Amino acid sequence: MKCEVEIDGIKYIPKQLSVDGCEYVIVRTYSAGVFAGYLENRKGKEVTLKQARRLWRWAGAASLSQLAIEGTSKPEGCKFPCEVNSITLTESIEIIPTTELARKSIAGVPVWSE
C-alpha cells in the first residue's frame, strides 16, 4: 500500500509521511501489545509496519491518543525496546495516525533493554 496520490502525472506525498511514502502510526493489538511504525500494509485486522517499536510502557501521556498527538513528556519513564525492520500484526484493533511531533518523541526515547 503506497500512501501517495498522483494528480496529472505528479505524485504527492503528505508531509508527515517519510519511509517509502507510508504514514507513521500507533497500532494497538488484541493480544500482542502496542506498536509504533510506518504503516506498510493493512488487510482486515492484519497490519504490517516498517521500522516498528513495541511501546511496552509509556509515561507522560494519559492515553495512546495523547501519545499519538503530543508524544511523551517523560521519555525516561518509557520502555520502548529496539526497532525492528518489519513486523506483521495479525489482530490490530486500533490504528492511530501520529503527528510529526509524536513521531520524533517516540523515536527519541532511549532503547530499553534488560
PDB file of N, CA and C in Angstrom:
ATOM      1  N   MET A   1       0.841  -1.168   0.000  1.00  0.00           N
ATOM      2  CA  MET A   1       0.000   0.000   0.000  1.00  0.00           C
ATOM      3  C   MET A   1       0.889   1.234   0.000  1.00  0.00           C
ATOM      4  N   LYS A   2       0.790   2.023  -1.034  1.00  0.00           N
ATOM      5  CA  LYS A   2       1.531   3.270  -1.102  1.00  0.00           C
ATOM      6  C   LYS A   2       0.627   4.371  -0.569  1.00  0.00           C
ATOM      7  N   CYS A   3       1.223   5.295   0.130  1.00  0.00           N
ATOM      8  CA  CYS A   3       0.464   6.370   0.757  1.00  0.00           C
ATOM      9  C   CYS A   3       0.664   7.658  -0.017  1.00  0.00           C
ATOM     10  N   GLU A   4       0.539   7.599  -1.324  1.00  0.00           N
ATOM     11  CA  GLU A   4       0.731   8.780  -2.141  1.00  0.00           C
ATOM     12  C   GLU A   4      -0.442   8.926  -3.096  1.00  0.00           C
ATOM     13  N   VAL A   5      -0.583  10.134  -3.658  1.00  0.00           N
ATOM     14  CA  VAL A   5      -1.655  10.429  -4.600  1.00  0.00           C
ATOM     15  C   VAL A   5      -1.006  10.983  -5.857  1.00  0.00           C
ATOM     16  N   GLU A   6      -1.502  10.556  -7.022  1.00  0.00           N
ATOM     17  CA  GLU A   6      -0.991  11.079  -8.278  1.00  0.00           C
ATOM     18  C   GLU A   6      -2.089  11.883  -8.947  1.00  0.00           C
ATOM     19  N   ILE A   7      -1.757  13.132  -9.307  1.00  0.00           N
ATOM     20  CA  ILE A   7      -2.696  14.014  -9.983  1.00  0.00           C
ATOM     21  C   ILE A   7      -1.985  14.591 -11.202  1.00  0.00           C
ATOM     22  N   ASP A   8      -2.553  14.391 -12.364  1.00  0.00           N
ATOM     23  CA  ASP A   8      -1.968  14.870 -13.617  1.00  0.00           C
ATOM     24  C   ASP A   8      -0.502  14.477 -13.755  1.00  0.00           C
ATOM     25  N   GLY A   9      -0.197  13.244 -13.396  1.00  0.00           N
ATOM     26  CA  GLY A   9       1.159  12.733 -13.545  1.00  0.00           C
ATOM     27  C   GLY A   9       2.150  13.177 -12.486  1.00  0.00           C
ATOM     28  N   ILE A  10       1.687  13.942 -11.491  1.00  0.00           N
ATOM     29  CA  ILE A  10       2.563  14.406 -10.411  1.00  0.00           C
ATOM     30  C   ILE A  10       2.198  13.659  -9.143  1.00  0.00           C
ATOM     31  N   LYS A  11       3.226  13.072  -8.481  1.00  0.00           N
ATOM     32  CA  LYS A  11       2.991  12.333  -7.246  1.00  0.00           C
ATOM     33  C   LYS A  11       3.112  13.261  -6.049  1.00  0.00           C
ATOM     34  N   TYR A  12       2.117  13.169  -5.153  1.00  0.00           N
ATOM     35  CA  TYR A  12       2.096  13.965  -3.938  1.00  0.00           C
ATOM     36  C   TYR A  12       2.142  13.033  -2.739  1.00  0.00           C
ATOM     37  N   ILE A  13       2.980  13.394  -1.749  1.00  0.00           N
ATOM     38  CA  ILE A  13       3.089  12.623  -0.519  1.00  0.00           C
ATOM     39  C   ILE A  13       2.871  13.595   0.630  1.00  0.00           C
ATOM     40  N   PRO A  14       1.917  13.307   1.542  1.00  0.00           N
ATOM     41  CA  PRO A  14       1.709  14.197   2.683  1.00  0.00           C
ATOM     42  C   PRO A  14       2.996  14.405   3.473  1.00  0.00           C
ATOM     43  N   LYS A  15       3.170  15.564   4.056  1.00  0.00           N
ATOM     44  CA  LYS A  15       4.386  15.936   4.777  1.00  0.00           C
ATOM     45  C   LYS A  15       4.784  14.966   5.885  1.00  0.00           C
ATOM     46  N   GLN A  16       3.825  14.449   6.643  1.00  0.00           N
ATOM     47  CA  GLN A  16       4.170  13.599   7.776  1.00  0.00           C
ATOM     48  C   GLN A  16       4.635  12.210   7.349  1.00  0.00           C
ATOM     49  N   LEU A  17       4.574  11.909   6.080  1.00  0.00           N
ATOM     50  CA  LEU A  17       4.989  10.607   5.600  1.00  0.00           C
ATOM     51  C   LEU A  17       6.458  10.663   5.205  1.00  0.00           C
ATOM     52  N   SER A  18       7.170   9.562   5.461  1.00  0.00           N
ATOM     53  CA  SER A  18       8.554   9.601   5.045  1.00  0.00           C
ATOM     54  C   SER A  18       9.085   8.272   4.532  1.00  0.00           C
ATOM     55  N   VAL A  19       8.929   7.185   5.210  1.00  0.00           N
ATOM     56  CA  VAL A  19       9.519   5.933   4.765  1.00  0.00           C
ATOM     57  C   VAL A  19       8.691   5.367   3.622  1.00  0.00           C
ATOM     58  N   ASP A  20       9.229   5.455   2.430  1.00  0.00           N
ATOM     59  CA  ASP A  20       8.551   4.962   1.223  1.00  0.00           C
ATOM     60  C   ASP A  20       7.118   5.479   1.118  1.00  0.00           C
ATOM     61  N   GLY A  21       6.858   6.665   1.599  1.00  0.00           N
ATOM     62  CA  GLY A  21       5.533   7.256   1.487  1.00  0.00           C
ATOM     63  C   GLY A  21       4.507   6.708   2.452  1.00  0.00           C
ATOM     64  N   CYS A  22       4.937   6.078   3.532  1.00  0.00           N
ATOM     65  CA  CYS A  22       3.998   5.482   4.479  1.00  0.00           C
ATOM     66  C   CYS A  22       3.851   6.330   5.737  1.00  0.00           C
ATOM     67  N   GLU A  23       2.670   6.336   6.269  1.00  0.00           N
ATOM     68  CA  GLU A  23       2.329   7.140   7.444  1.00  0.00           C
ATOM     69  C   GLU A  23       2.821   6.469   8.728  1.00  0.00           C
ATOM     70  N   TYR A  24       3.320   7.275   9.664  1.00  0.00           N
ATOM     71  CA  TYR A  24       3.744   6.779  10.967  1.00  0.00           C
ATOM     72  C   TYR A  24       2.508   6.691  11.861  1.00  0.00           C
ATOM     73  N   VAL A  25       2.275   5.518  12.441  1.00  0.00           N
ATOM     74  CA  VAL A  25       1.066   5.264  13.218  1.00  0.00           C
ATOM     75  C   VAL A  25       1.393   4.524  14.513  1.00  0.00           C
ATOM     76  N   ILE A  26       0.442   4.526  15.416  1.00  0.00           N
ATOM     77  CA  ILE A  26       0.460   3.667  16.598  1.00  0.00           C
ATOM     78  C   ILE A  26      -0.640   2.638  16.395  1.00  0.00           C
ATOM     79  N   VAL A  27      -0.292   1.365  16.607  1.00  0.00           N
ATOM     80  CA  VAL A  27      -1.249   0.272  16.434  1.00  0.00           C
ATOM     81  C   VAL A  27      -1.408  -0.459  17.761  1.00  0.00           C
ATOM     82  N   ARG A  28      -2.645  -0.576  18.200  1.00  0.00           N
ATOM     83  CA  ARG A  28      -2.952  -1.385  19.380  1.00  0.00           C
ATOM     84  C   ARG A  28      -3.512  -2.704  18.874  1.00  0.00           C
ATOM     85  N   THR A  29      -3.003  -3.798  19.430  1.00  0.00           N
ATOM     86  CA  THR A  29      -3.453  -5.113  19.003  1.00  0.00           C
ATOM     87  C   THR A  29      -4.282  -5.766  20.101  1.00  0.00           C
ATOM     88  N   TYR A  30      -4.930  -6.863  19.735  1.00  0.00           N
ATOM     89  CA  TYR A  30      -5.757  -7.589  20.695  1.00  0.00           C
ATOM     90  C   TYR A  30      -4.910  -8.243  21.776  1.00  0.00           C
ATOM     91  N   SER A  31      -3.787  -8.845  21.395  1.00  0.00           N
ATOM     92  CA  SER A  31      -3.013  -9.574  22.400  1.00  0.00           C
ATOM     93  C   SER A  31      -1.499  -9.378  22.341  1.00  0.00           C
ATOM     94  N   ALA A  32      -0.990  -8.705  21.325  1.00  0.00           N
ATOM     95  CA  ALA A  32       0.469  -8.548  21.190  1.00  0.00           C
ATOM     96  C   ALA A  32       0.983  -7.222  21.744  1.00  0.00           C
ATOM     97  N   GLY A  33       0.088  -6.333  22.151  1.00  0.00           N
ATOM     98  CA  GLY A  33       0.516  -5.063  22.711  1.00  0.00           C
ATOM     99  C   GLY A  33       0.348  -3.907  21.747  1.00  0.00           C
ATOM    100  N   VAL A  34       1.185  -2.888  21.937  1.00  0.00           N
ATOM    101  CA  VAL A  34       1.097  -1.642  21.179  1.00  0.00           C
ATOM    102  C   VAL A  34       2.410  -1.419  20.443  1.00  0.00           C
ATOM    103  N   PHE A  35       2.317  -0.963  19.202  1.00  0.00           N
ATOM    104  CA  PHE A  35       3.486  -0.738  18.362  1.00  0.00           C
ATOM    105  C   PHE A  35       3.370   0.609  17.667  1.00  0.00           C
ATOM    106  N   ALA A  36       4.518   1.200  17.351  1.00  0.00           N
ATOM    107  CA  ALA A  36       4.572   2.415  16.541  1.00  0.00           C
ATOM    108  C   ALA A  36       5.482   2.133  15.364  1.00  0.00           C
ATOM    109  N   GLY A  37       5.087   2.575  14.188  1.00  0.00           N
ATOM    110  CA  GLY A  37       5.907   2.358  12.999  1.00  0.00           C
ATOM    111  C   GLY A  37       5.218   2.902  11.762  1.00  0.00           C
ATOM    112  N   TYR A  38       5.862   2.672  10.622  1.00  0.00           N
ATOM    113  CA  TYR A  38       5.333   3.142   9.345  1.00  0.00           C
ATOM    114  C   TYR A  38       4.395   2.088   8.764  1.00  0.00           C
ATOM    115  N   LEU A  39       3.159   2.494   8.508  1.00  0.00           N
ATOM    116  CA  LEU A  39       2.119   1.584   8.019  1.00  0.00           C
ATOM    117  C   LEU A  39       2.406   1.209   6.568  1.00  0.00           C
ATOM    118  N   GLU A  40       2.875  -0.028   6.387  1.00  0.00           N
ATOM    119  CA  GLU A  40       3.196  -0.505   5.040  1.00  0.00           C
ATOM    120  C   GLU A  40       1.981  -1.113   4.366  1.00  0.00           C
ATOM    121  N   ASN A  41       1.175  -1.858   5.134  1.00  0.00           N
ATOM    122  CA  ASN A  41       0.047  -2.552   4.547  1.00  0.00           C
ATOM    123  C   ASN A  41      -0.997  -2.855   5.614  1.00  0.00           C
ATOM    124  N   ARG A  42      -2.255  -2.862   5.179  1.00  0.00           N
ATOM    125  CA  ARG A  42      -3.349  -3.270   6.064  1.00  0.00           C
ATOM    126  C   ARG A  42      -4.333  -4.079   5.257  1.00  0.00           C
ATOM    127  N   LYS A  43      -4.698  -5.233   5.789  1.00  0.00           N
ATOM    128  CA  LYS A  43      -5.700  -6.084   5.160  1.00  0.00           C
ATOM    129  C   LYS A  43      -6.549  -6.652   6.284  1.00  0.00           C
ATOM    130  N   GLY A  44      -7.750  -6.123   6.452  1.00  0.00           N
ATOM    131  CA  GLY A  44      -8.591  -6.534   7.570  1.00  0.00           C
ATOM    132  C   GLY A  44      -7.908  -6.172   8.875  1.00  0.00           C
ATOM    133  N   LYS A  45      -7.739  -7.153   9.758  1.00  0.00           N
ATOM    134  CA  LYS A  45      -7.087  -6.913  11.047  1.00  0.00           C
ATOM    135  C   LYS A  45      -5.571  -7.079  10.974  1.00  0.00           C
ATOM    136  N   GLU A  46      -5.054  -7.489   9.813  1.00  0.00           N
ATOM    137  CA  GLU A  46      -3.610  -7.699   9.668  1.00  0.00           C
ATOM    138  C   GLU A  46      -2.939  -6.411   9.201  1.00  0.00           C
ATOM    139  N   VAL A  47      -1.935  -6.008   9.952  1.00  0.00           N
ATOM    140  CA  VAL A  47      -1.214  -4.765   9.673  1.00  0.00           C
ATOM    141  C   VAL A  47       0.273  -5.072   9.620  1.00  0.00           C
ATOM    142  N   THR A  48       0.953  -4.533   8.613  1.00  0.00           N
ATOM    143  CA  THR A  48       2.402  -4.655   8.535  1.00  0.00           C
ATOM    144  C   THR A  48       3.011  -3.269   8.732  1.00  0.00           C
ATOM    145  N   LEU A  49       3.929  -3.186   9.697  1.00  0.00           N
ATOM    146  CA  LEU A  49       4.644  -1.947   9.988  1.00  0.00           C
ATOM    147  C   LEU A  49       6.107  -2.108   9.619  1.00  0.00           C
ATOM    148  N   LYS A  50       6.714  -1.018   9.161  1.00  0.00           N
ATOM    149  CA  LYS A  50       8.153  -0.970   8.937  1.00  0.00           C
ATOM    150  C   LYS A  50       8.764  -0.085  10.012  1.00  0.00           C
ATOM    151  N   GLN A  51      10.009  -0.353  10.337  1.00  0.00           N
ATOM    152  CA  GLN A  51      10.735   0.410  11.362  1.00  0.00           C
ATOM    153  C   GLN A  51       9.860   0.587  12.604  1.00  0.00           C
ATOM    154  N   ALA A  52       9.465  -0.527  13.185  1.00  0.00           N
ATOM    155  CA  ALA A  52       8.485  -0.541  14.272  1.00  0.00           C
ATOM    156  C   ALA A  52       9.136  -0.750  15.637  1.00  0.00           C
ATOM    157  N   ARG A  53       8.567  -0.089  16.629  1.00  0.00           N
ATOM    158  CA  ARG A  53       8.961  -0.279  18.026  1.00  0.00           C
ATOM    159  C   ARG A  53       7.739  -0.708  18.822  1.00  0.00           C
ATOM    160  N   ARG A  54       7.948  -1.648  19.736  1.00  0.00           N
ATOM    161  CA  ARG A  54       6.898  -2.032  20.672  1.00  0.00           C
ATOM    162  C   ARG A  54       6.862  -0.960  21.763  1.00  0.00           C
ATOM    163  N   LEU A  55       5.697  -0.455  22.086  1.00  0.00           N
ATOM    164  CA  LEU A  55       5.545   0.536  23.158  1.00  0.00           C
ATOM    165  C   LEU A  55       5.107  -0.240  24.395  1.00  0.00           C
ATOM    166  N   TRP A  56       6.082  -0.807  25.082  1.00  0.00           N
ATOM    167  CA  TRP A  56       5.801  -1.707  26.194  1.00  0.00           C
ATOM    168  C   TRP A  56       5.207  -0.951  27.378  1.00  0.00           C
ATOM    169  N   ARG A  57       5.764   0.198  27.696  1.00  0.00           N
ATOM    170  CA  ARG A  57       5.223   1.048  28.766  1.00  0.00           C
ATOM    171  C   ARG A  57       5.499   2.497  28.378  1.00  0.00           C
ATOM    172  N   TRP A  58       4.499   3.350  28.562  1.00  0.00           N
ATOM    173  CA  TRP A  58       4.723   4.763  28.276  1.00  0.00           C
ATOM    174  C   TRP A  58       4.346   5.592  29.486  1.00  0.00           C
ATOM    175  N   ALA A  59       4.970   6.746  29.570  1.00  0.00           N
ATOM    176  CA  ALA A  59       4.697   7.731  30.624  1.00  0.00           C
ATOM    177  C   ALA A  59       4.622   9.091  29.944  1.00  0.00           C
ATOM    178  N   GLY A  60       4.045  10.045  30.620  1.00  0.00           N
ATOM    179  CA  GLY A  60       3.984  11.390  30.065  1.00  0.00           C
ATOM    180  C   GLY A  60       2.910  11.577  29.008  1.00  0.00           C
ATOM    181  N   ALA A  61       1.961  10.649  28.944  1.00  0.00           N
ATOM    182  CA  ALA A  61       0.781  10.759  28.078  1.00  0.00           C
ATOM    183  C   ALA A  61      -0.304   9.914  28.738  1.00  0.00           C
ATOM    184  N   ALA A  62      -1.497  10.470  28.850  1.00  0.00           N
ATOM    185  CA  ALA A  62      -2.575   9.784  29.555  1.00  0.00           C
ATOM    186  C   ALA A  62      -3.162   8.619  28.757  1.00  0.00           C
ATOM    187  N   SER A  63      -2.992   8.647  27.425  1.00  0.00           N
ATOM    188  CA  SER A  63      -3.588   7.615  26.578  1.00  0.00           C
ATOM    189  C   SER A  63      -2.772   7.491  25.292  1.00  0.00           C
ATOM    190  N   LEU A  64      -3.076   6.472  24.524  1.00  0.00           N
ATOM    191  CA  LEU A  64      -2.425   6.339  23.222  1.00  0.00           C
ATOM    192  C   LEU A  64      -2.797   7.491  22.302  1.00  0.00           C
ATOM    193  N   SER A  65      -4.002   7.994  22.431  1.00  0.00           N
ATOM    194  CA  SER A  65      -4.424   9.138  21.616  1.00  0.00           C
ATOM    195  C   SER A  65      -3.553  10.356  21.905  1.00  0.00           C
ATOM    196  N   GLN A  66      -3.302  10.620  23.174  1.00  0.00           N
ATOM    197  CA  GLN A  66      -2.445  11.749  23.534  1.00  0.00           C
ATOM    198  C   GLN A  66      -1.011  11.489  23.074  1.00  0.00           C
ATOM    199  N   LEU A  67      -0.528  10.266  23.219  1.00  0.00           N
ATOM    200  CA  LEU A  67       0.815   9.918  22.774  1.00  0.00           C
ATOM    201  C   LEU A  67       0.947  10.136  21.268  1.00  0.00           C
ATOM    202  N   ALA A  68      -0.093   9.823  20.496  1.00  0.00           N
ATOM    203  CA  ALA A  68      -0.078   9.985  19.044  1.00  0.00           C
ATOM    204  C   ALA A  68      -0.073  11.447  18.614  1.00  0.00           C
ATOM    205  N   ILE A  69      -0.599  12.320  19.449  1.00  0.00           N
ATOM    206  CA  ILE A  69      -0.662  13.742  19.107  1.00  0.00           C
ATOM    207  C   ILE A  69       0.515  14.521  19.684  1.00  0.00           C
ATOM    208  N   GLU A  70       0.801  14.316  20.963  1.00  0.00           N
ATOM    209  CA  GLU A  70       1.805  15.137  21.663  1.00  0.00           C
ATOM    210  C   GLU A  70       3.126  14.420  21.907  1.00  0.00           C
ATOM    211  N   GLY A  71       3.146  13.100  21.785  1.00  0.00           N
ATOM    212  CA  GLY A  71       4.336  12.352  22.175  1.00  0.00           C
ATOM    213  C   GLY A  71       4.387  12.235  23.685  1.00  0.00           C
ATOM    214  N   THR A  72       5.556  11.891  24.213  1.00  0.00           N
ATOM    215  CA  THR A  72       5.708  11.729  25.653  1.00  0.00           C
ATOM    216  C   THR A  72       6.434  12.917  26.269  1.00  0.00           C
ATOM    217  N   SER A  73       5.974  13.345  27.425  1.00  0.00           N
ATOM    218  CA  SER A  73       6.679  14.404  28.153  1.00  0.00           C
ATOM    219  C   SER A  73       7.662  13.806  29.158  1.00  0.00           C
ATOM    220  N   LYS A  74       7.658  12.467  29.273  1.00  0.00           N
ATOM    221  CA  LYS A  74       8.538  11.776  30.225  1.00  0.00           C
ATOM    222  C   LYS A  74       9.226  10.586  29.551  1.00  0.00           C
ATOM    223  N   PRO A  75      10.128  10.838  28.614  1.00  0.00           N
ATOM    224  CA  PRO A  75      10.774   9.725  27.905  1.00  0.00           C
ATOM    225  C   PRO A  75      11.548   8.787  28.829  1.00  0.00           C
ATOM    226  N   GLU A  76      12.024   9.309  29.955  1.00  0.00           N
ATOM    227  CA  GLU A  76      12.780   8.471  30.889  1.00  0.00           C
ATOM    228  C   GLU A  76      11.886   7.431  31.570  1.00  0.00           C
ATOM    229  N   GLY A  77      10.583   7.633  31.555  1.00  0.00           N
ATOM    230  CA  GLY A  77       9.641   6.699  32.158  1.00  0.00           C
ATOM    231  C   GLY A  77       9.080   5.687  31.171  1.00  0.00           C
ATOM    232  N   CYS A  78       9.502   5.768  29.908  1.00  0.00           N
ATOM    233  CA  CYS A  78       9.001   4.870  28.871  1.00  0.00           C
ATOM    234  C   CYS A  78       9.902   3.652  28.718  1.00  0.00           C
ATOM    235  N   LYS A  79       9.304   2.549  28.301  1.00  0.00           N
ATOM    236  CA  LYS A  79      10.049   1.335  27.990  1.00  0.00           C
ATOM    237  C   LYS A  79       9.704   0.933  26.557  1.00  0.00           C
ATOM    238  N   PHE A  80      10.526   1.412  25.618  1.00  0.00           N
ATOM    239  CA  PHE A  80      10.368   1.107  24.207  1.00  0.00           C
ATOM    240  C   PHE A  80      11.609   0.342  23.763  1.00  0.00           C
ATOM    241  N   PRO A  81      11.513  -0.973  23.510  1.00  0.00           N
ATOM    242  CA  PRO A  81      12.668  -1.740  23.050  1.00  0.00           C
ATOM    243  C   PRO A  81      13.139  -1.279  21.659  1.00  0.00           C
ATOM    244  N   CYS A  82      14.145  -1.963  21.144  1.00  0.00           N
ATOM    245  CA  CYS A  82      14.738  -1.599  19.859  1.00  0.00           C
ATOM    246  C   CYS A  82      13.729  -1.734  18.714  1.00  0.00           C
ATOM    247  N   GLU A  83      14.025  -1.046  17.662  1.00  0.00           N
ATOM    248  CA  GLU A  83      13.219  -1.056  16.450  1.00  0.00           C
ATOM    249  C   GLU A  83      13.492  -2.335  15.660  1.00  0.00           C
ATOM    250  N   VAL A  84      12.452  -2.879  15.036  1.00  0.00           N
ATOM    251  CA  VAL A  84      12.622  -3.999  14.110  1.00  0.00           C
ATOM    252  C   VAL A  84      12.328  -3.497  12.696  1.00  0.00           C
ATOM    253  N   ASN A  85      12.949  -4.121  11.710  1.00  0.00           N
ATOM    254  CA  ASN A  85      12.774  -3.672  10.322  1.00  0.00           C
ATOM    255  C   ASN A  85      11.334  -3.789   9.857  1.00  0.00           C
ATOM    256  N   SER A  86      10.667  -4.875  10.255  1.00  0.00           N
ATOM    257  CA  SER A  86       9.298  -5.116   9.813  1.00  0.00           C
ATOM    258  C   SER A  86       8.601  -6.049  10.801  1.00  0.00           C
ATOM    259  N   ILE A  87       7.311  -5.842  10.969  1.00  0.00           N
ATOM    260  CA  ILE A  87       6.517  -6.733  11.806  1.00  0.00           C
ATOM    261  C   ILE A  87       5.106  -6.798  11.229  1.00  0.00           C
ATOM    262  N   THR A  88       4.528  -7.994  11.255  1.00  0.00           N
ATOM    263  CA  THR A  88       3.140  -8.171  10.838  1.00  0.00           C
ATOM    264  C   THR A  88       2.329  -8.499  12.078  1.00  0.00           C
ATOM    265  N   LEU A  89       1.329  -7.685  12.320  1.00  0.00           N
ATOM    266  CA  LEU A  89       0.447  -7.821  13.484  1.00  0.00           C
ATOM    267  C   LEU A  89      -0.883  -8.362  12.984  1.00  0.00           C
ATOM    268  N   THR A  90      -1.314  -9.503  13.508  1.00  0.00           N
ATOM    269  CA  THR A  90      -2.489 -10.178  12.949  1.00  0.00           C
ATOM    270  C   THR A  90      -3.816  -9.817  13.608  1.00  0.00           C
ATOM    271  N   GLU A  91      -3.781  -9.132  14.735  1.00  0.00           N
ATOM    272  CA  GLU A  91      -5.028  -8.791  15.423  1.00  0.00           C
ATOM    273  C   GLU A  91      -5.054  -7.317  15.823  1.00  0.00           C
ATOM    274  N   SER A  92      -4.867  -6.428  14.845  1.00  0.00           N
ATOM    275  CA  SER A  92      -4.910  -4.999  15.171  1.00  0.00           C
ATOM    276  C   SER A  92      -6.350  -4.571  15.424  1.00  0.00           C
ATOM    277  N   ILE A  93      -6.521  -3.754  16.455  1.00  0.00           N
ATOM    278  CA  ILE A  93      -7.873  -3.285  16.778  1.00  0.00           C
ATOM    279  C   ILE A  93      -7.970  -1.766  16.775  1.00  0.00           C
ATOM    280  N   GLU A  94      -6.814  -1.097  16.646  1.00  0.00           N
ATOM    281  CA  GLU A  94      -6.823   0.366  16.631  1.00  0.00           C
ATOM    282  C   GLU A  94      -5.574   0.840  15.893  1.00  0.00           C
ATOM    283  N   ILE A  95      -5.760   1.757  14.938  1.00  0.00           N
ATOM    284  CA  ILE A  95      -4.645   2.366  14.215  1.00  0.00           C
ATOM    285  C   ILE A  95      -4.806   3.875  14.355  1.00  0.00           C
ATOM    286  N   ILE A  96      -3.802   4.514  14.975  1.00  0.00           N
ATOM    287  CA  ILE A  96      -3.887   5.951  15.245  1.00  0.00           C
ATOM    288  C   ILE A  96      -2.770   6.670  14.488  1.00  0.00           C
ATOM    289  N   PRO A  97      -3.108   7.537  13.535  1.00  0.00           N
ATOM    290  CA  PRO A  97      -2.081   8.324  12.870  1.00  0.00           C
ATOM    291  C   PRO A  97      -1.405   9.256  13.884  1.00  0.00           C
ATOM    292  N   THR A  98      -0.123   9.502  13.717  1.00  0.00           N
ATOM    293  CA  THR A  98       0.601  10.371  14.641  1.00  0.00           C
ATOM    294  C   THR A  98       0.974  11.683  13.978  1.00  0.00           C
ATOM    295  N   THR A  99       1.301  12.643  14.813  1.00  0.00           N
ATOM    296  CA  THR A  99       1.858  13.895  14.322  1.00  0.00           C
ATOM    297  C   THR A  99       3.371  13.730  14.192  1.00  0.00           C
ATOM    298  N   GLU A 100       4.001  14.641  13.506  1.00  0.00           N
ATOM    299  CA  GLU A 100       5.457  14.623  13.392  1.00  0.00           C
ATOM    300  C   GLU A 100       6.096  14.821  14.760  1.00  0.00           C
ATOM    301  N   LEU A 101       5.489  15.650  15.591  1.00  0.00           N
ATOM    302  CA  LEU A 101       5.972  15.861  16.955  1.00  0.00           C
ATOM    303  C   LEU A 101       5.995  14.541  17.732  1.00  0.00           C
ATOM    304  N   ALA A 102       4.925  13.773  17.640  1.00  0.00           N
ATOM    305  CA  ALA A 102       4.839  12.494  18.340  1.00  0.00           C
ATOM    306  C   ALA A 102       5.844  11.489  17.777  1.00  0.00           C
ATOM    307  N   ARG A 103       5.980  11.443  16.447  1.00  0.00           N
ATOM    308  CA  ARG A 103       6.934  10.520  15.832  1.00  0.00           C
ATOM    309  C   ARG A 103       8.346  10.788  16.345  1.00  0.00           C
ATOM    310  N   LYS A 104       8.739  12.049  16.365  1.00  0.00           N
ATOM    311  CA  LYS A 104      10.076  12.420  16.851  1.00  0.00           C
ATOM    312  C   LYS A 104      10.231  12.077  18.335  1.00  0.00           C
ATOM    313  N   SER A 105       9.176  12.283  19.098  1.00  0.00           N
ATOM    314  CA  SER A 105       9.209  11.988  20.527  1.00  0.00           C
ATOM    315  C   SER A 105       9.399  10.491  20.770  1.00  0.00           C
ATOM    316  N   ILE A 106       8.657   9.668  20.046  1.00  0.00           N
ATOM    317  CA  ILE A 106       8.771   8.211  20.186  1.00  0.00           C
ATOM    318  C   ILE A 106      10.163   7.755  19.757  1.00  0.00           C
ATOM    319  N   ALA A 107      10.641   8.285  18.649  1.00  0.00           N
ATOM    320  CA  ALA A 107      11.981   7.926  18.165  1.00  0.00           C
ATOM    321  C   ALA A 107      13.076   8.355  19.145  1.00  0.00           C
ATOM    322  N   GLY A 108      12.804   9.410  19.902  1.00  0.00           N
ATOM    323  CA  GLY A 108      13.794   9.942  20.834  1.00  0.00           C
ATOM    324  C   GLY A 108      13.886   9.212  22.173  1.00  0.00           C
ATOM    325  N   VAL A 109      12.964   8.296  22.426  1.00  0.00           N
ATOM    326  CA  VAL A 109      13.012   7.529  23.679  1.00  0.00           C
ATOM    327  C   VAL A 109      14.159   6.530  23.573  1.00  0.00           C
ATOM    328  N   PRO A 110      15.076   6.538  24.552  1.00  0.00           N
ATOM    329  CA  PRO A 110      16.196   5.591  24.506  1.00  0.00           C
ATOM    330  C   PRO A 110      15.711   4.137  24.472  1.00  0.00           C
ATOM    331  N   VAL A 111      16.478   3.295  23.788  1.00  0.00           N
ATOM    332  CA  VAL A 111      16.135   1.876  23.690  1.00  0.00           C
ATOM    333  C   VAL A 111      16.206   1.247  25.063  1.00  0.00           C
ATOM    334  N   TRP A 112      15.127   0.574  25.450  1.00  0.00           N
ATOM    335  CA  TRP A 112      15.054  -0.095  26.742  1.00  0.00           C
ATOM    336  C   TRP A 112      15.448  -1.551  26.563  1.00  0.00           C
ATOM    337  N   SER A 113      16.262  -2.053  27.465  1.00  0.00           N
ATOM    338  CA  SER A 113      16.590  -3.470  27.452  1.00  0.00           C
ATOM    339  C   SER A 113      16.943  -3.892  28.861  1.00  0.00           C
ATOM    340  N   GLU A 114      16.917  -5.172  29.121  1.00  0.00           N
ATOM    341  CA  GLU A 114      17.302  -5.707  30.430  1.00  0.00           C
ATOM    342  C   GLU A 114      18.366  -6.734  30.259  1.00  0.00           C
TER     343      GLU A 114
END
